[in-house]
Protein backbone atom coordinates (compact mmCIF):
# COMPACT_ATOMS: atom_id res chain seq x y z
CA MET A 1 0.00 0.00 0.00
CA ILE A 2 1.55 3.29 -1.12
CA GLU A 3 -0.32 5.18 1.62
CA GLU A 4 1.99 3.78 4.30
CA HIS A 5 4.95 5.43 2.59
CA ILE A 6 3.45 8.95 2.54
CA LEU A 7 5.35 11.15 5.01
CA TYR A 8 3.57 14.45 4.36
CA GLN A 9 0.54 15.53 2.35
CA ASP A 10 -1.42 18.73 1.90
CA GLU A 11 -3.23 20.54 -0.93
CA ALA A 12 0.08 21.51 -2.61
CA ILE A 13 2.50 18.59 -2.26
CA ILE A 14 2.94 14.93 -1.37
CA ILE A 15 6.25 13.77 0.12
CA LEU A 16 6.92 10.08 -0.17
CA ASN A 17 9.48 7.63 1.20
CA LYS A 18 9.80 5.65 -2.04
CA PRO A 19 10.74 2.02 -1.51
CA SER A 20 13.58 0.48 -3.47
CA GLY A 21 12.38 -1.50 -6.49
CA LEU A 22 9.53 0.86 -7.37
CA LEU A 23 9.79 3.29 -10.28
CA SER A 24 9.30 6.99 -9.49
CA VAL A 25 7.35 7.50 -12.72
CA PRO A 26 5.90 5.06 -15.29
CA GLY A 27 8.48 3.42 -17.55
CA LEU A 28 8.30 2.38 -21.17
CA TYR A 29 7.64 -1.27 -20.38
CA ASN A 30 6.69 -1.09 -16.71
CA LYS A 31 3.82 1.27 -15.91
CA ASP A 32 3.68 0.54 -12.17
CA SER A 33 5.20 3.49 -10.31
CA ALA A 34 5.01 5.60 -7.18
CA PHE A 35 3.50 8.38 -9.29
CA GLY A 36 0.81 6.10 -10.70
CA ARG A 37 -0.13 4.71 -7.31
CA LEU A 38 -0.35 8.18 -5.77
CA GLU A 39 -2.24 9.61 -8.75
CA ALA A 40 -4.94 7.01 -8.17
CA LEU A 41 -5.51 8.53 -4.72
CA VAL A 42 -5.76 12.21 -5.72
CA ASP A 43 -7.38 14.30 -8.45
CA GLU A 44 -4.18 15.77 -9.88
CA LEU A 45 -0.47 15.08 -9.49
CA HIS A 46 2.72 16.32 -11.19
CA ILE A 47 6.28 14.96 -11.42
CA ILE A 48 8.94 17.31 -9.99
CA HIS A 49 12.04 15.09 -9.82
CA ARG A 50 12.93 11.40 -9.90
CA LEU A 51 14.77 8.70 -8.02
CA ASP A 52 16.17 5.60 -9.71
CA LYS A 53 14.04 2.48 -9.35
CA ASP A 54 16.68 0.90 -7.11
CA THR A 55 17.12 4.01 -4.93
CA SER A 56 14.89 4.45 -1.89
CA GLY A 57 13.98 7.61 -0.03
CA LEU A 58 12.49 11.06 -0.18
CA ILE A 59 10.69 12.32 -3.27
CA VAL A 60 8.18 15.17 -3.62
CA TYR A 61 5.28 15.49 -6.07
CA GLY A 62 3.24 18.62 -6.84
CA ARG A 63 -0.56 18.68 -6.57
CA THR A 64 -1.08 21.42 -9.19
CA LYS A 65 0.91 22.88 -12.10
CA LYS A 66 1.54 26.03 -10.06
CA ASP A 67 3.03 24.00 -7.22
CA LEU A 68 5.07 22.01 -9.73
CA THR A 69 6.57 25.15 -11.24
CA ALA A 70 7.36 26.72 -7.85
CA ILE A 71 9.38 23.72 -6.68
CA GLN A 72 10.98 22.99 -10.06
CA GLN A 73 12.40 26.53 -10.04
CA GLN A 74 14.03 25.80 -6.70
CA PHE A 75 15.67 22.68 -8.12
CA GLU A 76 16.88 24.64 -11.16
CA LYS A 77 18.29 27.44 -8.97
CA GLN A 78 19.83 24.82 -6.65
CA THR A 79 18.19 26.28 -3.56
CA THR A 80 17.03 22.81 -2.54
CA ARG A 81 19.22 20.54 -0.43
CA LYS A 82 19.57 16.82 -1.01
CA VAL A 83 21.56 14.38 1.11
CA TYR A 84 21.91 10.70 0.32
CA GLU A 85 23.26 7.91 2.49
CA ALA A 86 24.97 4.90 0.95
CA ARG A 87 27.05 1.87 1.78
CA VAL A 88 29.88 1.26 -0.67
CA THR A 89 32.26 -1.64 -1.09
CA GLY A 90 35.75 -1.40 0.32
CA LYS A 91 37.60 1.03 2.55
CA VAL A 92 37.42 4.58 1.22
CA LYS A 93 40.59 6.64 1.67
CA GLY A 94 40.18 10.01 3.31
CA ASN A 95 37.22 11.48 5.18
CA GLN A 96 35.66 13.69 2.52
CA GLY A 97 36.11 14.68 -1.09
CA THR A 98 34.65 15.86 -4.38
CA ILE A 99 34.06 13.91 -7.59
CA ASN A 100 33.84 15.94 -10.80
CA MET A 101 33.25 13.52 -13.68
CA PRO A 102 30.98 14.32 -16.67
CA ILE A 103 28.31 11.76 -17.55
CA ILE A 104 26.70 10.64 -20.80
CA VAL A 105 24.26 7.87 -21.74
CA ASP A 106 25.98 4.62 -22.70
CA TRP A 107 23.76 4.29 -25.77
CA PRO A 108 24.54 0.66 -26.74
CA ASN A 109 23.90 -0.37 -23.13
CA ARG A 110 20.98 1.82 -22.08
CA PRO A 111 19.90 2.58 -19.39
CA LEU A 112 23.54 2.47 -18.25
CA GLN A 113 25.51 5.71 -18.13
CA LYS A 114 29.25 6.26 -18.48
CA ILE A 115 31.95 8.84 -17.81
CA SER A 116 32.99 10.87 -20.87
CA HIS A 117 35.37 13.80 -20.52
CA THR A 118 34.72 14.84 -24.14
CA GLU A 119 30.94 14.45 -24.51
CA GLY A 120 29.59 14.08 -20.97
CA ARG A 121 27.50 16.63 -19.08
CA TYR A 122 28.93 18.29 -15.98
CA ALA A 123 28.32 16.21 -12.85
CA LEU A 124 29.61 17.01 -9.35
CA THR A 125 29.25 15.00 -6.16
CA ARG A 126 30.64 15.80 -2.72
CA TRP A 127 31.04 12.99 -0.20
CA LYS A 128 31.78 12.46 3.48
CA LYS A 129 32.75 9.24 5.21
CA LEU A 130 30.49 8.26 8.11
CA ALA A 131 31.86 4.89 9.23
CA GLU A 132 33.64 1.72 8.24
CA GLU A 133 31.72 -1.50 8.84
CA LEU A 134 32.95 -5.09 8.99
CA VAL A 135 30.67 -7.48 7.12
CA VAL A 136 30.85 -11.26 7.50
CA ALA A 137 29.44 -13.25 4.56
CA GLU A 138 27.65 -16.57 4.91
CA SER A 139 30.87 -18.24 3.78
CA GLY A 140 32.66 -16.66 6.73
CA ALA A 141 34.65 -14.27 4.55
CA GLU A 142 35.10 -10.78 5.98
CA GLU A 143 35.02 -7.52 4.07
CA ILE A 144 34.92 -3.81 4.82
CA VAL A 145 32.13 -1.57 3.57
CA THR A 146 32.05 2.19 4.06
CA ARG A 147 28.98 4.19 5.01
CA MET A 148 28.91 7.52 3.19
CA GLU A 149 26.98 10.77 2.97
CA LEU A 150 26.64 11.96 -0.63
CA TYR A 151 25.77 15.50 -1.70
CA PRO A 152 24.99 15.77 -5.44
CA LYS A 153 25.34 19.29 -6.81
CA THR A 154 23.91 18.12 -10.13
CA GLY A 155 21.23 15.53 -10.79
CA ARG A 156 22.43 13.36 -13.67
CA SER A 157 20.93 9.92 -14.18
CA HIS A 158 22.84 7.32 -12.13
CA GLN A 159 25.23 10.06 -10.99
CA LEU A 160 25.94 8.79 -7.48
CA ARG A 161 26.14 5.17 -8.59
CA LEU A 162 28.56 5.96 -11.41
CA HIS A 163 30.69 8.35 -9.37
CA MET A 164 31.12 5.78 -6.60
CA LEU A 165 32.05 3.14 -9.17
CA ASN A 166 34.67 5.40 -10.73
CA ILE A 167 36.49 6.00 -7.45
CA GLY A 168 36.65 2.23 -7.01
CA HIS A 169 33.81 1.80 -4.51
CA PRO A 170 30.53 0.72 -6.16
CA ILE A 171 27.39 0.94 -4.05
CA VAL A 172 26.47 -2.26 -2.22
CA GLY A 173 23.67 -4.09 -4.05
CA ASP A 174 23.90 -2.03 -7.24
CA PRO A 175 22.59 -4.35 -9.99
CA PHE A 176 24.06 -2.20 -12.78
CA TYR A 177 27.51 -1.15 -11.65
CA SER A 178 28.69 -3.62 -8.99
CA LYS A 179 30.59 -6.57 -10.47
CA ASP A 180 30.00 -8.49 -7.22
CA TYR A 181 26.23 -7.98 -7.30
CA ASP A 182 24.32 -10.92 -5.86
CA GLU A 183 20.58 -10.39 -5.48
CA SER A 184 20.30 -13.28 -3.02
CA GLN A 185 22.85 -11.57 -0.73
CA THR A 186 21.70 -7.96 -1.20
CA PRO A 187 18.17 -7.76 -2.66
CA THR A 188 18.05 -3.96 -2.43
CA MET A 189 20.61 -1.31 -3.34
CA HIS A 190 22.09 0.57 -0.39
CA LEU A 191 21.46 4.09 -1.67
CA HIS A 192 18.84 6.20 0.09
CA ALA A 193 17.65 9.80 -0.34
CA ARG A 194 17.79 10.64 3.36
CA GLU A 195 17.24 14.40 3.47
CA LEU A 196 15.34 16.84 1.27
CA SER A 197 14.91 20.55 1.95
CA PHE A 198 12.91 23.09 -0.07
CA ASN A 199 10.48 25.95 0.42
CA HIS A 200 6.80 25.10 0.50
CA PRO A 201 5.34 26.32 -2.81
CA ARG A 202 2.47 28.21 -1.17
CA THR A 203 3.55 29.24 2.33
CA GLY A 204 7.28 29.66 1.69
CA GLU A 205 7.98 27.67 4.87
CA ARG A 206 11.21 25.70 4.73
CA MET A 207 10.45 21.98 4.56
CA ASP A 208 13.33 20.01 6.10
CA MET A 209 12.49 16.35 5.67
CA VAL A 210 14.64 13.54 7.12
CA CYS A 211 14.03 9.85 6.54
CA PRO A 212 16.60 7.36 7.90
CA PRO A 213 17.79 4.60 5.52
CA PRO A 214 16.46 1.03 5.83
CA PHE A 215 20.00 -0.42 5.83
């Protein structure tokens, strides 16, 4: 039931904690989506931004075109704030950093994306290490994973997933970019939109939403 994932709702917006595995908006071959399920509950709904199917966490939808425009302008002017939490494979060196790698669609392998310094679009991610965690597999093998905060300045498709991959630390459970992906071991990807801040489109009140990750 999509209703149990609604964190906030009024006449202007709906804020949802989207579960991993559910599309944000209808796809070409899969029409089931968070948008479609919510639209069935209300008279009118508009898409403001998206999360990947495999990414969980905070997403906001507008109830009218006016509300849509008001929030979209905030995203375009980068007055919103987005914070993601992730678990990545391996031990990340350093405590914080910036990744500036341009991204383009990998056309022969869509929907995959790739880094291209000649044709890619500007993409910037800042990161901060939160903790190192020891994981023991069923086989008894031990490995280190690193819990990270990720701050995307831009919003390219698969940006955080691709940037983590290209510094040598793919996101745990990423079915596209992790060569060690095993659905039986990690059925959901460990990338979560944890915080979202923006101004309410009608009152101007700052909405500071926080939703802890499920992992």
